[in-house]
Amino acid sequence: MFAAFRRAFAQKSRPNAWRRGAWRLALILTLCAGFALPAQAQRAPHFEFIRDAEIEHYLRTLATPIFRAADIDPNAVSIALIKSNAVNAFVAGGMNEFFFTGLLQMTESPEQLAGIIAHETGHIAGGHLVRGSEAMRNASAQAILGMVLGVAAGVASGNGQATAAAISGAQNVAERGLLSFSRAQESSADAAGLSFLDRAGVSSNGMLAFMKKLAGQELLPSDRQVEYVRTHPLTQDRIDAVAHHLETSPYADSHEDPKFQVMHERMKAKLMGFLQPQTALLRTTDKDPRISARYARAIAFYQTNQLPRALALTDGLLREEPDNPFFYELKAQMLFENSRVDEAVALYKKAVDLLPDSALLRVAYGHALLESKNADNLDLAIRQLTEANRLEEREPETWRFLASAWGKKAELTKDQQYEGLVSYALAEEAVARGADKEAQQFADRALKVLPKSTPYWLRAQDIKLSIDTEGHR
């Protein structure tokens, strides 16, 4: 869960991680063609990303029928969460959808969120942002956004020196520049999104409701409009088109499965508990029987250093829903971050047993096993992290933990092969960050140590050859 949340808050976009990657990205964005950025301008503003197993599970479960309706492989789309009060969502780098926490908190129903997902998927299906090179396929969504924003800031200013000086404002420049779309593209994405919703059997009422929610924003000065309106021009024609579609849609009166409403309420409760703990405690009471309210309060107590009260509420949630992996994860995180590692290990194991396809839960479990100081847990930690990598290939943190695990194996066994695996893991971690030079250096080290033609040796060779090829394009 927010093992995810807490760690991700500390992982801001690395401003120096995408030097050559930013140049390549410029080639795939029409507006950037031919533009050359000085090295000092190839920096991204600091975004804070959230990785959370429960929220990502909800978004992916909600989005999967829409992706399939668009003839898009759901596994090919990355969903990334950005910690920001801004109300916005966009696609970048081709197959990456970014959602701001401010937007998630503003939506009132799963139908509204499904409408936003369908619209953004319309941008992907319409090719409004083209998929790029090998680097774009291998880098994490966070690194891709860093590449996009680094280039966008330079393009918007036309001056690398000015960009470096004004980089703190690059987020808004990027969103209103390369990450925004024309009115024609917005209408096209709407039309595509409406067709996807129909094919998925989902009502478009949510899309209409969210548009009406934002309708008054167009009348405000631009500096007072929410970011979604500034990057997604909203017109009465677009609202009328959705309303007209609903008149003929066979799914106009359909509703999402009630489970989605539950998931939506818990997503918002979790975001409020972690991001606005004082607000969560003011808006709920100890007498509120709703699970979402108790969830928000448990998290808020944890965030405000009231661990006993947080654990008591979480234990109550677990008694009510003993098969909820995310409640186990919450309690495990609380204990892990308060040095009760062995207790956390058992709870993370329970969470993984309940939701084995969650890469983030396996990463949290593997990390806890690594920190348990029990050498007997090392091989299990490696298995968990390796499986997490199979489920989700582009997460830098997983590779860092694997490098640590293999490093400990090297110390225990004195086997040089594990040193090669450490270098290989760090090469993969650098690839996921878009740091090609580091990736090449670590891949070279791995190739010198790992046995030839073994799977990891071959992958290290692939990394080196891929970077060499990209560098000569």
Protein backbone atom coordinates (compact mmCIF):
# COMPACT_ATOMS: atom_id res chain seq x y z
CA MET A 1 0.00 0.00 0.00
CA PHE A 2 1.52 3.26 0.96
CA ALA A 3 4.78 1.60 1.70
CA ALA A 4 4.32 2.73 -1.59
CA PHE A 5 2.99 6.04 -0.47
CA ARG A 6 5.66 7.05 1.99
CA ARG A 7 8.63 5.91 -0.05
CA ALA A 8 7.30 7.46 -3.22
CA PHE A 9 6.95 10.87 -1.61
CA ALA A 10 10.70 10.86 -1.11
CA GLN A 11 11.37 9.87 -4.71
CA LYS A 12 11.15 13.07 -6.67
CA SER A 13 11.97 13.12 -10.35
CA ARG A 14 15.73 13.04 -10.66
CA PRO A 15 16.62 16.19 -12.59
CA ASN A 16 19.79 14.79 -14.13
CA ALA A 17 18.51 11.36 -15.04
CA TRP A 18 17.36 11.93 -18.59
CA ARG A 19 20.12 13.75 -20.48
CA ARG A 20 20.20 11.88 -23.78
CA GLY A 21 16.69 10.51 -23.21
CA ALA A 22 15.32 14.05 -23.41
CA TRP A 23 16.88 14.49 -26.83
CA ARG A 24 15.27 11.31 -28.10
CA LEU A 25 11.88 12.28 -26.76
CA ALA A 26 12.09 15.57 -28.61
CA LEU A 27 12.14 13.58 -31.85
CA ILE A 28 8.81 11.90 -31.16
CA LEU A 29 6.84 15.01 -30.31
CA THR A 30 5.87 16.95 -33.39
CA LEU A 31 6.19 20.30 -31.71
CA CYS A 32 9.77 19.51 -30.73
CA ALA A 33 11.09 18.39 -34.10
CA GLY A 34 14.50 19.83 -34.81
CA PHE A 35 14.77 21.65 -31.49
CA ALA A 36 18.13 21.32 -29.70
CA LEU A 37 18.35 21.70 -25.96
CA PRO A 38 21.60 22.60 -24.19
CA ALA A 39 22.62 20.10 -21.51
CA GLN A 40 21.72 22.43 -18.66
CA ALA A 41 18.18 22.73 -19.96
CA GLN A 42 17.55 19.01 -19.98
CA ARG A 43 16.16 19.03 -16.48
CA ALA A 44 12.73 18.11 -15.25
CA PRO A 45 10.78 19.89 -12.54
CA HIS A 46 10.31 18.02 -9.28
CA PHE A 47 7.18 15.92 -9.37
CA GLU A 48 6.35 13.62 -6.50
CA PHE A 49 5.00 10.24 -7.52
CA ILE A 50 2.82 7.98 -5.45
CA ARG A 51 2.93 4.21 -5.80
CA ASP A 52 0.03 2.61 -4.01
CA ALA A 53 -1.12 -0.96 -4.54
CA GLU A 54 -4.77 -0.34 -3.69
CA ILE A 55 -5.30 2.82 -5.74
CA GLU A 56 -3.45 1.42 -8.74
CA HIS A 57 -5.44 -1.82 -8.45
CA TYR A 58 -8.68 0.17 -8.49
CA LEU A 59 -7.66 2.36 -11.43
CA ARG A 60 -6.47 -0.61 -13.44
CA THR A 61 -9.58 -2.67 -12.66
CA LEU A 62 -11.77 0.27 -13.72
CA ALA A 63 -9.68 1.02 -16.81
CA THR A 64 -9.12 -2.49 -18.17
CA PRO A 65 -12.53 -2.85 -19.92
CA ILE A 66 -11.99 0.59 -21.46
CA PHE A 67 -8.50 -0.31 -22.71
CA ARG A 68 -9.84 -3.52 -24.20
CA ALA A 69 -12.70 -1.64 -25.86
CA ALA A 70 -10.04 0.55 -27.46
CA ASP A 71 -8.17 -2.56 -28.70
CA ILE A 72 -5.27 -1.68 -26.42
CA ASP A 73 -3.45 -4.32 -24.37
CA PRO A 74 -4.12 -3.26 -20.75
CA ASN A 75 -0.67 -4.48 -19.75
CA ALA A 76 0.92 -2.07 -22.24
CA VAL A 77 -0.49 1.01 -20.49
CA SER A 78 1.33 2.45 -17.49
CA ILE A 79 -0.76 4.29 -14.90
CA ALA A 80 1.12 6.81 -12.77
CA LEU A 81 -0.06 8.91 -9.85
CA ILE A 82 1.30 12.39 -9.20
CA LYS A 83 1.02 13.99 -5.78
CA SER A 84 -0.46 17.41 -6.52
CA ASN A 85 -3.52 19.42 -5.57
CA ALA A 86 -3.86 20.32 -9.25
CA VAL A 87 -6.88 18.83 -11.01
CA ASN A 88 -5.37 17.23 -14.10
CA ALA A 89 -4.71 14.07 -16.08
CA PHE A 90 -2.83 13.55 -19.31
CA VAL A 91 -1.02 11.04 -21.48
CA ALA A 92 2.66 11.25 -22.32
CA GLY A 93 5.23 9.14 -24.08
CA GLY A 94 2.56 7.20 -25.92
CA MET A 95 1.17 4.58 -23.51
CA ASN A 96 1.38 6.32 -20.15
CA GLU A 97 -1.59 7.84 -18.34
CA PHE A 98 -0.86 10.27 -15.49
CA PHE A 99 -3.43 11.19 -12.84
CA PHE A 100 -3.01 13.96 -10.28
CA THR A 101 -4.25 13.22 -6.77
CA GLY A 102 -6.23 16.47 -6.89
CA LEU A 103 -8.27 15.11 -9.79
CA LEU A 104 -8.86 11.74 -8.10
CA GLN A 105 -10.12 13.53 -5.00
CA MET A 106 -12.41 15.77 -7.07
CA THR A 107 -14.23 12.90 -8.79
CA GLU A 108 -17.45 11.89 -7.08
CA SER A 109 -18.07 8.46 -8.58
CA PRO A 110 -16.39 5.63 -10.49
CA GLU A 111 -18.43 6.67 -13.54
CA GLN A 112 -16.81 10.12 -13.51
CA LEU A 113 -13.35 8.60 -13.23
CA ALA A 114 -14.15 6.09 -15.98
CA GLY A 115 -15.15 9.00 -18.23
CA ILE A 116 -11.79 10.68 -17.63
CA ILE A 117 -9.92 7.42 -18.30
CA ALA A 118 -11.91 6.90 -21.51
CA HIS A 119 -11.10 10.42 -22.69
CA GLU A 120 -7.37 10.05 -22.00
CA THR A 121 -7.41 6.66 -23.70
CA GLY A 122 -8.94 8.44 -26.68
CA HIS A 123 -5.76 10.52 -26.90
CA ILE A 124 -3.68 7.33 -26.92
CA ALA A 125 -5.86 5.64 -29.55
CA GLY A 126 -5.80 8.81 -31.65
CA GLY A 127 -2.01 8.88 -31.67
CA HIS A 128 -1.96 12.39 -30.21
CA LEU A 129 1.28 11.47 -28.49
CA VAL A 130 3.32 8.99 -30.50
CA ARG A 131 5.20 6.09 -28.95
CA GLY A 132 8.91 6.62 -29.25
CA SER A 133 12.19 4.75 -29.12
CA GLU A 134 13.54 1.84 -27.10
CA ALA A 135 14.25 4.22 -24.24
CA MET A 136 10.57 5.10 -24.04
CA ARG A 137 9.61 1.43 -23.89
CA ASN A 138 12.10 0.61 -21.14
CA ALA A 139 11.94 3.68 -18.94
CA SER A 140 9.48 3.96 -16.08
CA ALA A 141 6.52 6.28 -16.39
CA GLN A 142 8.24 8.65 -13.95
CA ALA A 143 11.35 8.84 -16.14
CA ILE A 144 9.25 9.34 -19.27
CA LEU A 145 7.41 12.25 -17.67
CA GLY A 146 10.77 13.71 -16.68
CA MET A 147 11.89 13.50 -20.29
CA VAL A 148 8.68 15.11 -21.50
CA LEU A 149 8.81 17.98 -19.04
CA GLY A 150 12.51 18.59 -19.56
CA VAL A 151 11.95 19.00 -23.27
CA ALA A 152 8.69 20.89 -22.88
CA ALA A 153 10.26 23.52 -20.70
CA GLY A 154 13.00 24.13 -23.27
CA VAL A 155 10.61 24.18 -26.20
CA ALA A 156 8.28 26.63 -24.49
CA SER A 157 11.08 29.09 -23.76
CA GLY A 158 13.17 28.50 -26.88
CA ASN A 159 16.15 29.29 -24.69
CA GLY A 160 18.07 26.70 -22.70
CA GLN A 161 19.62 29.24 -20.34
CA ALA A 162 16.24 30.76 -19.59
CA THR A 163 14.79 27.31 -19.07
CA ALA A 164 17.42 26.41 -16.50
CA ALA A 165 16.76 29.65 -14.65
CA ALA A 166 12.99 29.24 -14.67
CA ILE A 167 12.81 25.48 -14.21
CA SER A 168 10.65 25.79 -11.10
CA GLY A 169 7.81 26.93 -13.33
CA ALA A 170 8.35 24.26 -15.95
CA GLN A 171 5.49 22.10 -14.73
CA ASN A 172 2.87 24.63 -15.79
CA VAL A 173 4.76 25.42 -18.99
CA ALA A 174 4.82 21.76 -19.92
CA GLU A 175 1.21 21.07 -19.09
CA ARG A 176 -0.03 24.06 -21.04
CA GLY A 177 2.37 23.35 -23.90
CA LEU A 178 3.28 19.88 -25.06
CA LEU A 179 0.94 18.09 -22.69
CA SER A 180 -2.11 20.04 -23.77
CA PHE A 181 -4.25 19.43 -26.82
CA SER A 182 -6.17 21.41 -29.39
CA ARG A 183 -9.93 21.73 -29.26
CA ALA A 184 -10.15 19.43 -32.29
CA GLN A 185 -8.10 16.78 -30.53
CA GLU A 186 -10.22 17.14 -27.41
CA SER A 187 -13.41 16.54 -29.41
CA SER A 188 -11.77 13.58 -31.12
CA ALA A 189 -10.72 12.10 -27.76
CA ASP A 190 -14.27 12.63 -26.46
CA ALA A 191 -15.79 10.80 -29.42
CA ALA A 192 -13.36 7.93 -29.08
CA GLY A 193 -13.88 7.79 -25.31
CA LEU A 194 -17.66 7.67 -25.73
CA SER A 195 -17.37 4.74 -28.11
CA PHE A 196 -15.03 2.93 -25.70
CA LEU A 197 -17.47 3.42 -22.83
CA ASP A 198 -20.33 2.02 -24.93
CA ARG A 199 -18.26 -0.99 -25.94
CA ALA A 200 -17.37 -1.56 -22.30
CA GLY A 201 -21.04 -1.24 -21.28
CA VAL A 202 -20.34 1.85 -19.14
CA SER A 203 -22.60 4.90 -19.04
CA SER A 204 -21.23 8.19 -20.37
CA ASN A 205 -23.14 10.05 -17.67
CA GLY A 206 -19.96 10.21 -15.61
CA MET A 207 -18.09 11.98 -18.40
CA LEU A 208 -20.95 14.46 -18.77
CA ALA A 209 -21.18 15.05 -15.01
CA PHE A 210 -17.46 15.78 -14.75
CA MET A 211 -17.59 18.16 -17.72
CA LYS A 212 -20.52 20.04 -16.14
CA LYS A 213 -18.55 20.18 -12.90
CA LEU A 214 -15.79 22.02 -14.75
CA ALA A 215 -18.02 24.05 -17.07
CA GLY A 216 -17.87 27.25 -15.03
CA GLN A 217 -14.07 27.21 -15.14
CA GLU A 218 -14.01 28.49 -18.73
CA LEU A 219 -15.43 31.82 -17.54
CA LEU A 220 -12.64 32.36 -15.00
CA PRO A 221 -9.30 34.07 -15.72
CA SER A 222 -6.79 31.50 -16.92
CA ASP A 223 -4.69 31.75 -13.76
CA ARG A 224 -7.72 30.71 -11.68
CA GLN A 225 -8.81 27.78 -13.81
CA VAL A 226 -8.02 24.23 -12.75
CA GLU A 227 -5.21 22.66 -14.75
CA TYR A 228 -7.53 20.16 -16.43
CA VAL A 229 -9.42 22.95 -18.14
CA ARG A 230 -6.22 24.72 -19.18
CA THR A 231 -4.78 21.59 -20.76
CA HIS A 232 -8.09 20.17 -22.03
CA PRO A 233 -10.03 23.09 -23.58
CA LEU A 234 -13.65 22.69 -22.56
CA THR A 235 -16.43 24.04 -24.79
CA GLN A 236 -20.20 23.91 -24.73
CA ASP A 237 -20.02 21.99 -27.99
CA ARG A 238 -18.13 19.19 -26.25
CA ILE A 239 -20.69 19.06 -23.45
CA ASP A 240 -23.55 19.05 -25.96
CA ALA A 241 -21.91 16.23 -27.93
CA VAL A 242 -21.74 14.01 -24.85
CA ALA A 243 -25.33 14.84 -23.92
CA HIS A 244 -26.47 14.00 -27.45
CA HIS A 245 -24.58 10.69 -27.32
CA LEU A 246 -26.40 9.77 -24.12
CA GLU A 247 -29.76 10.23 -25.88
CA THR A 248 -29.00 7.26 -28.13
CA SER A 249 -26.61 5.18 -26.05
CA PRO A 250 -28.06 1.86 -24.86
CA TYR A 251 -25.94 2.19 -21.72
CA ALA A 252 -27.08 5.68 -20.70
CA ASP A 253 -28.75 4.42 -17.53
CA SER A 254 -26.28 1.66 -16.66
CA HIS A 255 -24.22 1.79 -13.48
CA GLU A 256 -20.83 0.41 -12.59
CA ASP A 257 -20.66 -2.66 -10.37
CA PRO A 258 -21.30 -1.48 -6.75
CA LYS A 259 -17.82 -2.74 -5.83
CA PHE A 260 -16.38 0.17 -7.76
CA GLN A 261 -18.23 2.68 -5.60
CA VAL A 262 -16.70 1.03 -2.53
CA MET A 263 -13.24 1.13 -4.12
CA HIS A 264 -13.75 4.77 -5.11
CA GLU A 265 -14.73 5.82 -1.60
CA ARG A 266 -11.74 4.03 -0.10
CA MET A 267 -9.38 5.61 -2.64
CA LYS A 268 -10.58 9.06 -1.61
CA ALA A 269 -10.42 8.14 2.08
CA LYS A 270 -6.86 6.93 1.70
CA LEU A 271 -5.76 10.03 -0.21
CA MET A 272 -7.30 12.31 2.40
CA GLY A 273 -5.79 10.32 5.27
CA PHE A 274 -2.30 10.45 3.84
CA LEU A 275 -2.33 13.86 2.19
CA GLN A 276 -4.61 15.84 4.53
CA PRO A 277 -4.59 13.95 7.85
CA GLN A 278 -5.87 16.87 9.88
CA THR A 279 -8.75 17.32 7.46
CA ALA A 280 -9.54 13.63 7.70
CA LEU A 281 -9.73 13.84 11.49
CA LEU A 282 -11.95 16.94 11.32
CA ARG A 283 -14.36 15.49 8.75
CA THR A 284 -14.86 12.15 10.49
CA THR A 285 -15.57 11.08 14.06
CA ASP A 286 -14.91 8.02 16.18
CA LYS A 287 -18.64 7.26 15.98
CA ASP A 288 -18.76 7.18 12.17
CA PRO A 289 -19.49 3.51 11.29
CA ARG A 290 -18.48 3.74 7.62
CA ILE A 291 -15.42 1.69 6.69
CA SER A 292 -14.12 4.49 4.47
CA ALA A 293 -14.30 6.93 7.41
CA ARG A 294 -12.52 4.54 9.78
CA TYR A 295 -9.93 3.87 7.07
CA ALA A 296 -9.24 7.59 6.66
CA ARG A 297 -8.97 8.04 10.44
CA ALA A 298 -6.63 5.06 10.87
CA ILE A 299 -4.30 6.49 8.25
CA ALA A 300 -4.59 10.02 9.64
CA PHE A 301 -3.71 8.82 13.17
CA TYR A 302 -0.72 6.99 11.73
CA GLN A 303 0.35 10.12 9.84
CA THR A 304 0.08 12.23 12.99
CA ASN A 305 2.17 9.85 15.11
CA GLN A 306 -0.74 8.33 17.05
CA LEU A 307 0.23 4.71 16.39
CA PRO A 308 -1.84 2.98 19.09
CA ARG A 309 -5.06 4.62 17.84
CA ALA A 310 -4.11 3.86 14.24
CA LEU A 311 -3.46 0.19 15.01
CA ALA A 312 -6.69 -0.14 16.99
CA LEU A 313 -8.76 1.16 14.08
CA THR A 314 -6.87 -1.01 11.58
CA ASP A 315 -7.41 -4.10 13.73
CA GLY A 316 -11.12 -3.29 13.70
CA LEU A 317 -11.08 -3.06 9.92
CA LEU A 318 -9.33 -6.43 9.69
CA ARG A 319 -11.88 -8.06 11.97
CA GLU A 320 -14.61 -6.81 9.65
CA GLU A 321 -12.78 -7.73 6.42
CA PRO A 322 -10.23 -10.45 7.24
CA ASP A 323 -9.52 -11.09 3.55
CA ASN A 324 -8.67 -7.49 2.59
CA PRO A 325 -5.00 -7.42 1.49
CA PHE A 326 -4.81 -3.63 1.74
CA PHE A 327 -5.77 -3.56 5.41
CA TYR A 328 -2.98 -6.06 6.12
CA GLU A 329 -0.65 -3.89 4.09
CA LEU A 330 -1.58 -0.78 6.07
CA LYS A 331 -0.91 -2.47 9.40
CA ALA A 332 2.33 -3.96 8.05
CA GLN A 333 3.55 -0.53 6.97
CA MET A 334 2.73 0.99 10.33
CA LEU A 335 4.72 -1.72 12.12
CA PHE A 336 7.58 -1.77 9.61
CA GLU A 337 8.13 1.96 9.92
CA ASN A 338 8.16 1.63 13.69
CA SER A 339 10.92 -1.02 13.70
CA ARG A 340 8.58 -3.97 14.29
CA VAL A 341 9.92 -5.69 11.20
CA ASP A 342 9.21 -9.33 12.03
CA GLU A 343 5.54 -8.56 12.70
CA ALA A 344 5.39 -6.62 9.44
CA VAL A 345 6.88 -9.54 7.49
CA ALA A 346 4.03 -11.83 8.56
CA LEU A 347 1.41 -9.25 7.59
CA TYR A 348 2.99 -8.53 4.20
CA LYS A 349 3.03 -12.28 3.54
CA LYS A 350 -0.70 -12.41 4.25
CA ALA A 351 -1.32 -9.48 1.88
CA VAL A 352 0.68 -11.16 -0.91
CA ASP A 353 -1.13 -14.47 -0.36
CA LEU A 354 -4.44 -12.63 -0.82
CA LEU A 355 -3.35 -10.63 -3.90
CA PRO A 356 -0.40 -12.47 -5.49
CA ASP A 357 -0.51 -10.50 -8.75
CA SER A 358 0.36 -7.20 -7.03
CA ALA A 359 3.94 -6.28 -7.81
CA LEU A 360 3.90 -3.50 -5.20
CA LEU A 361 2.82 -5.84 -2.41
CA ARG A 362 5.61 -8.24 -3.34
CA VAL A 363 8.15 -5.39 -3.34
CA ALA A 364 7.01 -4.30 0.13
CA TYR A 365 7.21 -7.91 1.34
CA GLY A 366 10.65 -8.37 -0.20
CA HIS A 367 11.89 -5.14 1.36
CA ALA A 368 10.65 -6.17 4.78
CA LEU A 369 12.36 -9.56 4.42
CA LEU A 370 15.60 -7.77 3.53
CA GLU A 371 15.35 -5.59 6.63
CA SER A 372 14.53 -8.49 8.95
CA LYS A 373 18.25 -9.18 9.53
CA ASN A 374 17.46 -12.87 9.21
CA ALA A 375 19.77 -14.45 6.64
CA ASP A 376 17.26 -17.27 6.18
CA ASN A 377 14.86 -14.73 4.65
CA LEU A 378 17.29 -13.62 1.93
CA ASP A 379 16.40 -16.19 -0.72
CA LEU A 380 12.68 -15.60 -0.12
CA ALA A 381 13.24 -11.86 -0.52
CA ILE A 382 14.99 -12.46 -3.84
CA ARG A 383 12.11 -14.65 -5.02
CA GLN A 384 9.55 -11.99 -4.10
CA LEU A 385 11.48 -9.22 -5.84
CA THR A 386 12.14 -11.34 -8.92
CA GLU A 387 8.42 -12.12 -9.18
CA ALA A 388 7.63 -8.42 -8.73
CA ASN A 389 9.91 -7.69 -11.68
CA ARG A 390 8.09 -10.24 -13.76
CA LEU A 391 4.80 -8.57 -12.95
CA GLU A 392 6.10 -5.03 -13.48
CA GLU A 393 9.37 -4.64 -15.32
CA ARG A 394 10.07 -0.92 -15.09
CA GLU A 395 10.10 -0.10 -11.39
CA PRO A 396 13.55 1.25 -10.37
CA GLU A 397 13.00 0.59 -6.67
CA THR A 398 12.56 -3.14 -7.21
CA TRP A 399 15.89 -3.35 -8.98
CA ARG A 400 17.56 -1.38 -6.17
CA PHE A 401 16.24 -3.85 -3.60
CA LEU A 402 17.37 -6.78 -5.77
CA ALA A 403 20.84 -5.24 -6.02
CA SER A 404 20.90 -5.02 -2.21
CA ALA A 405 19.71 -8.63 -1.86
CA TRP A 406 22.29 -9.96 -4.29
CA GLY A 407 24.94 -7.84 -2.57
CA LYS A 408 24.12 -9.55 0.73
CA LYS A 409 24.33 -12.94 -1.00
CA ALA A 410 27.75 -11.98 -2.29
CA GLU A 411 28.90 -11.13 1.24
CA LEU A 412 27.55 -14.40 2.64
CA THR A 413 28.71 -16.75 -0.10
CA LYS A 414 31.82 -14.94 -1.42
CA ASP A 415 30.53 -15.98 -4.85
CA GLN A 416 31.67 -13.48 -7.47
CA GLN A 417 28.65 -14.25 -9.64
CA TYR A 418 26.46 -12.35 -7.19
CA GLU A 419 28.65 -9.28 -7.70
CA GLY A 420 27.81 -9.56 -11.38
CA LEU A 421 24.11 -9.77 -10.52
CA VAL A 422 24.43 -6.60 -8.42
CA SER A 423 25.86 -4.77 -11.44
CA TYR A 424 23.14 -6.21 -13.66
CA ALA A 425 20.37 -5.09 -11.27
CA LEU A 426 21.84 -1.59 -11.10
CA ALA A 427 21.96 -1.51 -14.91
CA GLU A 428 18.25 -2.36 -15.05
CA GLU A 429 17.51 0.25 -12.40
CA ALA A 430 19.35 2.88 -14.45
CA VAL A 431 17.45 1.86 -17.61
CA ALA A 432 14.16 2.30 -15.77
CA ARG A 433 15.24 5.80 -14.71
CA GLY A 434 16.31 6.67 -18.26
CA ALA A 435 19.95 7.04 -17.15
CA ASP A 436 21.61 5.42 -20.15
CA LYS A 437 25.22 6.24 -19.32
CA GLU A 438 24.94 4.62 -15.89
CA ALA A 439 23.10 1.65 -17.40
CA GLN A 440 25.87 1.07 -19.91
CA GLN A 441 28.58 1.24 -17.23
CA PHE A 442 26.83 -1.26 -14.97
CA ALA A 443 26.01 -3.56 -17.91
CA ASP A 444 29.70 -3.57 -18.86
CA ARG A 445 30.64 -4.60 -15.33
CA ALA A 446 28.01 -7.34 -15.29
CA LEU A 447 29.23 -8.77 -18.61
CA LYS A 448 32.76 -9.11 -17.22
CA VAL A 449 31.60 -11.21 -14.27
CA LEU A 450 28.46 -13.15 -15.20
CA PRO A 451 28.85 -16.51 -16.98
CA LYS A 452 28.48 -16.07 -20.72
CA SER A 453 25.17 -16.89 -22.39
CA THR A 454 23.26 -17.16 -19.09
CA PRO A 455 19.92 -15.29 -19.04
CA TYR A 456 21.21 -12.36 -16.97
CA TRP A 457 24.37 -12.10 -19.08
CA LEU A 458 22.22 -11.98 -22.23
CA ARG A 459 20.00 -9.29 -20.76
CA ALA A 460 23.02 -7.20 -19.75
CA GLN A 461 24.29 -7.56 -23.32
CA ASP A 462 20.88 -6.45 -24.63
CA ILE A 463 21.05 -3.33 -22.45
CA LYS A 464 24.52 -2.46 -23.71
CA LEU A 465 23.68 -3.07 -27.38
CA SER A 466 20.40 -1.18 -27.14
CA ILE A 467 22.10 1.88 -25.68
CA ASP A 468 24.90 1.71 -28.25
CA THR A 469 22.31 1.54 -31.04
CA GLU A 470 20.30 4.44 -29.64
CA GLY A 471 23.44 6.52 -29.28
CA HIS A 472 24.27 6.23 -32.98
CA ARG A 473 20.84 7.14 -34.34
